[in-house]
N, C-alpha and C. Protein backbone atom coordinates (compact mmCIF):
# COMPACT_ATOMS: atom_id res chain seq x y z
N MET A 1 6.00 4.05 -19.85
CA MET A 1 5.34 3.38 -18.46
C MET A 1 6.71 3.51 -17.70
N PRO A 2 6.53 4.20 -16.47
CA PRO A 2 7.64 4.36 -15.48
C PRO A 2 8.16 3.38 -14.98
N GLU A 3 9.45 3.75 -14.65
CA GLU A 3 10.30 2.28 -13.75
C GLU A 3 10.44 2.12 -12.66
N LEU A 4 10.99 1.40 -11.52
CA LEU A 4 11.20 1.78 -10.48
C LEU A 4 12.57 2.43 -9.99
N ASN A 5 12.37 3.02 -9.04
CA ASN A 5 13.51 4.08 -8.69
C ASN A 5 14.28 3.00 -8.06
N GLU A 6 15.61 3.80 -7.68
CA GLU A 6 16.67 3.24 -7.12
C GLU A 6 16.32 2.43 -5.81
N ARG A 7 15.68 3.18 -4.74
CA ARG A 7 15.17 2.36 -3.95
C ARG A 7 14.46 1.59 -3.96
N MET A 8 13.45 1.48 -4.82
CA MET A 8 12.60 0.21 -4.79
C MET A 8 13.19 -0.70 -5.56
N LYS A 9 14.11 -0.82 -6.35
CA LYS A 9 14.91 -1.53 -7.10
C LYS A 9 15.86 -2.29 -6.08
N ALA A 10 16.26 -1.55 -4.88
CA ALA A 10 17.14 -2.15 -3.68
C ALA A 10 16.85 -3.18 -3.04
N VAL A 11 14.90 -3.69 -3.02
CA VAL A 11 14.45 -3.97 -2.24
C VAL A 11 13.55 -5.28 -2.85
N THR A 12 13.56 -6.57 -2.33
CA THR A 12 12.99 -7.60 -2.89
C THR A 12 11.22 -7.30 -2.97
N ILE A 13 10.56 -7.02 -3.88
CA ILE A 13 9.37 -7.15 -3.99
C ILE A 13 8.36 -8.37 -4.05
N PRO A 14 7.93 -8.47 -3.08
CA PRO A 14 7.25 -9.97 -3.28
C PRO A 14 6.05 -9.97 -4.63
N ASP A 15 6.13 -11.23 -5.14
CA ASP A 15 5.50 -11.52 -6.33
C ASP A 15 3.92 -11.07 -6.62
N ARG A 16 3.22 -11.08 -5.62
CA ARG A 16 1.89 -10.49 -5.68
C ARG A 16 1.84 -9.15 -5.52
N MET A 17 3.19 -8.15 -5.34
CA MET A 17 3.04 -6.54 -5.46
C MET A 17 3.68 -6.25 -6.97
N LYS A 18 4.08 -7.51 -7.59
CA LYS A 18 5.02 -6.77 -8.94
C LYS A 18 3.54 -6.53 -10.16
N LYS A 19 2.47 -7.03 -9.62
CA LYS A 19 1.70 -6.26 -10.61
C LYS A 19 0.95 -5.06 -10.59
N LEU A 20 1.40 -4.25 -9.32
CA LEU A 20 1.00 -3.09 -9.09
C LEU A 20 1.40 -1.90 -10.20
N SER A 21 1.14 -0.56 -10.12
CA SER A 21 1.15 0.22 -10.98
C SER A 21 2.71 0.85 -10.46
N ILE A 22 3.38 1.43 -11.18
CA ILE A 22 4.49 2.17 -10.59
C ILE A 22 4.22 3.99 -11.11
N SER A 23 4.09 4.46 -9.99
CA SER A 23 4.09 5.97 -10.14
C SER A 23 5.46 6.89 -10.77
N ARG A 24 5.26 8.04 -11.53
CA ARG A 24 6.00 8.28 -12.12
C ARG A 24 7.32 8.73 -11.48
N GLU A 25 7.13 9.01 -10.04
CA GLU A 25 8.59 8.70 -9.04
C GLU A 25 9.37 7.79 -8.87
N GLY A 26 8.55 6.64 -9.67
CA GLY A 26 9.36 5.42 -9.38
C GLY A 26 8.66 4.45 -8.27
N TYR A 27 7.83 4.78 -7.56
CA TYR A 27 7.26 3.81 -6.39
C TYR A 27 5.98 2.99 -7.04
N LEU A 28 6.52 1.65 -6.44
CA LEU A 28 4.71 1.08 -6.42
C LEU A 28 3.72 1.58 -5.96
N VAL A 29 2.79 1.69 -6.48
CA VAL A 29 1.35 2.04 -5.77
C VAL A 29 0.59 0.98 -4.96
N PRO A 30 0.54 1.20 -3.74
CA PRO A 30 -0.28 -0.02 -3.18
C PRO A 30 -1.77 -0.15 -3.41
N TRP A 31 -2.44 -0.92 -3.19
CA TRP A 31 -4.05 -1.27 -3.74
C TRP A 31 -4.89 -0.33 -3.12
N PHE A 32 -4.20 0.30 -1.40
CA PHE A 32 -5.31 1.46 -1.22
C PHE A 32 -5.44 2.83 -1.47
N VAL A 33 -4.34 2.83 -2.62
CA VAL A 33 -4.00 4.59 -2.58
C VAL A 33 -4.91 4.60 -3.62
N ALA A 34 -5.45 6.22 -3.52
CA ALA A 34 -6.41 6.79 -4.63
C ALA A 34 -5.72 7.22 -5.48
N TRP A 35 -6.17 7.41 -6.71
CA TRP A 35 -6.03 8.15 -7.92
C TRP A 35 -6.67 8.86 -8.38
N MET A 36 -6.25 9.92 -8.78
CA MET A 36 -6.94 11.49 -8.84
C MET A 36 -6.58 12.19 -10.47
N GLU A 37 -7.46 12.67 -11.00
CA GLU A 37 -7.75 13.36 -11.94
C GLU A 37 -8.49 14.71 -11.68
N ASN A 38 -7.94 15.89 -12.04
CA ASN A 38 -8.06 17.08 -11.76
C ASN A 38 -8.85 17.35 -10.49
N GLY A 39 -8.17 16.63 -9.20
CA GLY A 39 -8.44 16.93 -7.92
C GLY A 39 -9.77 16.16 -7.68
N HIS A 40 -9.99 15.30 -8.52
CA HIS A 40 -11.23 14.42 -7.89
C HIS A 40 -10.76 12.76 -8.00
N PRO A 41 -11.24 11.96 -7.20
CA PRO A 41 -10.86 10.68 -7.13
C PRO A 41 -10.98 9.96 -8.74
N SER A 42 -10.48 8.97 -9.16
CA SER A 42 -10.73 8.26 -10.77
C SER A 42 -10.62 6.95 -10.19
N GLU A 43 -10.78 5.95 -11.45
CA GLU A 43 -10.42 4.60 -11.43
C GLU A 43 -9.15 4.36 -10.92
N ARG A 44 -8.48 3.15 -10.57
CA ARG A 44 -7.15 2.65 -10.29
C ARG A 44 -6.58 2.60 -11.59
N GLY A 45 -5.33 3.67 -11.59
CA GLY A 45 -4.60 3.37 -12.66
C GLY A 45 -5.06 4.62 -13.66
N LYS A 46 -6.12 5.37 -13.48
CA LYS A 46 -6.26 7.03 -14.28
C LYS A 46 -5.80 7.88 -13.59
N GLY A 47 -5.06 8.61 -14.06
CA GLY A 47 -4.63 10.04 -13.69
C GLY A 47 -3.10 9.99 -12.79
N ASP A 48 -3.03 10.35 -11.39
CA ASP A 48 -2.06 10.38 -10.64
C ASP A 48 -2.38 9.67 -9.62
N PRO A 49 -1.50 8.65 -8.85
CA PRO A 49 -1.78 7.99 -7.65
C PRO A 49 -1.42 9.29 -6.71
N ASP A 50 -2.72 9.50 -5.44
CA ASP A 50 -2.33 10.52 -4.23
C ASP A 50 -1.81 9.59 -3.19
N PHE A 51 -0.55 9.47 -2.79
CA PHE A 51 -0.43 8.46 -1.63
C PHE A 51 -0.96 9.01 -0.36
N ARG A 52 -1.68 10.29 -0.12
CA ARG A 52 -1.95 10.89 0.81
C ARG A 52 -3.30 10.25 1.01
N VAL A 53 -4.16 9.72 0.15
CA VAL A 53 -5.30 9.36 -0.04
C VAL A 53 -5.89 8.02 0.04
N ILE A 54 -6.88 7.35 0.71
CA ILE A 54 -7.38 6.52 0.62
C ILE A 54 -8.20 5.96 -0.33
N PHE A 55 -8.21 5.07 -1.30
CA PHE A 55 -9.32 4.82 -2.62
C PHE A 55 -10.60 4.62 -1.69
N PRO A 56 -11.23 5.25 -2.41
CA PRO A 56 -12.87 5.44 -1.71
C PRO A 56 -13.45 3.97 -1.78
N GLY A 57 -13.87 3.63 -0.43
CA GLY A 57 -14.43 2.30 -0.30
C GLY A 57 -13.46 1.20 -0.30
N ALA A 58 -12.03 1.77 0.21
CA ALA A 58 -11.09 0.50 -0.09
C ALA A 58 -11.12 -0.07 1.41
N ILE A 59 -11.14 0.73 2.45
CA ILE A 59 -11.26 -0.01 3.67
C ILE A 59 -12.34 -0.70 3.89
N ALA A 60 -13.56 -0.67 3.51
CA ALA A 60 -14.96 -1.43 3.37
C ALA A 60 -14.38 -2.76 2.48
N VAL A 61 -14.14 -2.43 1.48
CA VAL A 61 -13.62 -3.80 0.48
C VAL A 61 -12.35 -4.64 1.48
N ALA A 62 -11.60 -4.17 1.63
CA ALA A 62 -10.67 -4.93 2.41
C ALA A 62 -11.20 -5.91 3.63
N ALA A 63 -11.95 -4.88 4.36
CA ALA A 63 -12.48 -5.62 5.70
C ALA A 63 -13.34 -6.60 4.82
N LYS A 64 -14.34 -6.37 4.29
CA LYS A 64 -15.58 -7.22 3.86
C LYS A 64 -15.01 -8.45 3.22
N GLN A 65 -14.34 -8.20 1.85
CA GLN A 65 -13.73 -9.45 1.24
C GLN A 65 -12.42 -10.07 1.68
N ASP A 66 -11.79 -9.46 2.81
CA ASP A 66 -10.80 -10.20 3.36
C ASP A 66 -9.45 -10.38 2.17
N VAL A 67 -9.36 -8.94 1.76
CA VAL A 67 -7.92 -9.00 1.12
C VAL A 67 -6.98 -7.96 1.42
N CYS A 68 -5.90 -8.09 0.86
CA CYS A 68 -4.83 -7.48 1.71
C CYS A 68 -4.67 -5.99 1.10
N TRP A 69 -4.46 -5.27 2.45
CA TRP A 69 -4.20 -3.65 2.00
C TRP A 69 -3.34 -2.90 1.22
N LEU A 70 -2.52 -4.12 0.84
CA LEU A 70 -1.28 -3.54 0.16
C LEU A 70 -1.47 -4.02 -1.33
N CYS A 71 -1.49 -5.24 -1.17
CA CYS A 71 -1.40 -6.07 -2.76
C CYS A 71 -2.64 -5.96 -3.52
N GLY A 72 -4.11 -6.22 -2.72
CA GLY A 72 -5.57 -6.42 -2.99
C GLY A 72 -5.96 -7.87 -3.53
N GLU A 73 -5.05 -8.53 -2.86
CA GLU A 73 -5.07 -9.90 -3.26
C GLU A 73 -5.84 -10.91 -2.05
N LYS A 74 -6.35 -11.52 -2.39
CA LYS A 74 -7.14 -12.49 -0.77
C LYS A 74 -6.24 -12.66 0.13
N LEU A 75 -6.53 -12.81 1.31
CA LEU A 75 -5.80 -12.79 2.33
C LEU A 75 -6.07 -14.48 2.96
N GLY A 76 -4.74 -14.95 3.50
CA GLY A 76 -4.78 -16.43 4.21
C GLY A 76 -5.68 -16.43 5.39
N VAL A 77 -5.12 -17.51 5.91
CA VAL A 77 -5.39 -17.13 7.53
C VAL A 77 -4.60 -16.41 8.43
N HIS A 78 -3.37 -16.24 8.21
CA HIS A 78 -2.41 -15.27 8.67
C HIS A 78 -2.46 -13.71 8.13
N LYS A 79 -2.27 -12.98 9.34
CA LYS A 79 -2.71 -11.82 8.60
C LYS A 79 -1.62 -10.80 9.33
N ALA A 80 -1.06 -9.82 8.62
CA ALA A 80 -0.13 -9.09 9.63
C ALA A 80 -0.17 -7.62 9.62
N PHE A 81 -0.03 -6.70 10.56
CA PHE A 81 -0.37 -5.49 10.24
C PHE A 81 1.04 -4.52 10.37
N VAL A 82 1.12 -3.28 9.75
CA VAL A 82 2.23 -2.36 9.93
C VAL A 82 1.74 -1.28 10.75
N ILE A 83 2.42 -1.38 11.53
CA ILE A 83 1.89 -0.52 12.88
C ILE A 83 3.28 0.61 13.23
N GLY A 84 3.05 1.79 13.99
CA GLY A 84 4.03 2.22 14.56
C GLY A 84 3.94 2.56 16.04
N PRO A 85 5.19 3.06 16.72
CA PRO A 85 5.05 3.09 18.30
C PRO A 85 3.87 3.33 19.03
N MET A 86 3.27 4.06 18.25
CA MET A 86 1.80 4.64 19.14
C MET A 86 0.79 3.20 18.85
N CYS A 87 0.71 2.79 17.99
CA CYS A 87 -0.54 1.75 17.87
C CYS A 87 0.20 0.34 18.72
N ALA A 88 1.43 0.48 19.03
CA ALA A 88 1.39 -0.67 19.77
C ALA A 88 1.09 -0.44 21.42
N VAL A 89 1.38 1.00 21.85
CA VAL A 89 1.19 1.22 23.18
C VAL A 89 -0.64 1.15 23.19
N THR A 90 -0.97 1.50 22.17
CA THR A 90 -2.80 1.84 22.10
C THR A 90 -3.45 0.39 21.81
N ARG A 91 -2.69 -0.41 21.15
CA ARG A 91 -3.02 -1.45 20.76
C ARG A 91 -4.54 -1.50 19.61
N THR A 92 -4.23 -0.82 18.74
CA THR A 92 -5.17 -0.11 17.97
C THR A 92 -4.29 0.26 16.59
N THR A 93 -5.03 0.09 15.39
CA THR A 93 -5.04 0.55 14.04
C THR A 93 -6.05 0.76 13.05
N SER A 94 -5.74 1.77 12.40
CA SER A 94 -6.84 2.22 11.43
C SER A 94 -6.79 1.53 10.42
N GLU A 95 -5.54 0.82 9.92
CA GLU A 95 -5.57 0.13 8.56
C GLU A 95 -5.88 -1.41 8.72
N PRO A 96 -6.44 -1.95 7.54
CA PRO A 96 -6.76 -3.49 7.40
C PRO A 96 -5.66 -3.95 7.61
N PRO A 97 -5.80 -5.50 7.66
CA PRO A 97 -4.49 -6.34 7.72
C PRO A 97 -4.06 -6.54 6.03
N CYS A 98 -2.89 -7.12 6.11
CA CYS A 98 -2.17 -7.65 4.68
C CYS A 98 -1.22 -8.74 5.00
N HIS A 99 -0.59 -9.23 4.01
CA HIS A 99 0.17 -10.47 3.81
C HIS A 99 1.37 -9.95 4.67
N LEU A 100 1.92 -11.00 5.20
CA LEU A 100 3.34 -10.72 5.84
C LEU A 100 4.39 -10.13 5.16
N ASP A 101 4.59 -10.99 3.76
CA ASP A 101 5.68 -10.30 3.21
C ASP A 101 4.95 -8.89 2.17
N CYS A 102 4.01 -8.55 2.48
CA CYS A 102 3.47 -7.20 1.61
C CYS A 102 3.96 -5.91 2.91
N ALA A 103 3.62 -6.43 4.00
CA ALA A 103 3.79 -5.86 5.00
C ALA A 103 5.43 -5.62 5.19
N ARG A 104 6.28 -6.86 5.11
CA ARG A 104 7.66 -6.59 5.27
C ARG A 104 8.27 -5.31 4.28
N PHE A 105 7.73 -5.43 2.93
CA PHE A 105 8.06 -4.56 1.90
C PHE A 105 7.87 -3.41 2.22
N ALA A 106 6.42 -3.25 2.61
CA ALA A 106 6.10 -1.61 3.00
C ALA A 106 7.01 -1.43 4.13
N ALA A 107 7.35 -1.91 5.19
CA ALA A 107 7.98 -1.64 6.47
C ALA A 107 9.39 -0.75 5.94
N ILE A 108 9.91 -1.49 5.13
CA ILE A 108 11.65 -1.07 4.11
C ILE A 108 11.08 -0.46 3.20
N ALA A 109 10.45 -0.31 2.15
CA ALA A 109 10.74 0.59 0.92
C ALA A 109 9.42 1.87 1.02
N CYS A 110 8.52 1.84 1.89
CA CYS A 110 7.74 2.98 2.01
C CYS A 110 8.52 4.26 2.66
N PRO A 111 8.85 5.14 1.79
CA PRO A 111 9.10 6.10 2.49
C PRO A 111 8.72 6.81 3.78
N PHE A 112 7.31 6.81 3.64
CA PHE A 112 6.20 7.51 4.77
C PHE A 112 6.86 6.76 5.84
N LEU A 113 6.83 4.97 5.99
CA LEU A 113 6.95 4.30 6.77
C LEU A 113 8.58 4.19 7.18
N SER A 114 9.30 4.42 6.33
CA SER A 114 10.78 4.16 6.56
C SER A 114 11.98 5.49 7.00
N LYS A 115 11.47 6.38 6.26
CA LYS A 115 12.22 7.38 6.83
C LYS A 115 11.64 7.93 8.27
N ARG A 116 12.51 8.37 9.00
CA ARG A 116 12.78 9.39 10.14
C ARG A 116 12.18 10.69 9.70
N ALA A 117 11.48 11.17 11.00
CA ALA A 117 10.96 12.67 10.65
C ALA A 117 11.72 13.37 11.34
């Protein structure tokens, strides 16, 4: 079983995210990430996570069942969105909401969100 990499170990992981799988590179795999086998979507945990691809149906499930985009657990009354500058300007986002602690974790730990281009 893969272990967390040094970047992940340096960040406090919310309890609800500790059940998520760990990629070969040592990153937690968010609930929305698609898993691929031989170039095709597979079940969660089967094959390898492709962080560039959304798990089929995840947006609809998150919206209809009111679950966190990052951990996959039921949301409460408060919801958070991880957004960038353009989302703030346009006041839109293409991703469903998440728990505040999950959003904070993602903003700090996710290389896509935290590394400057």
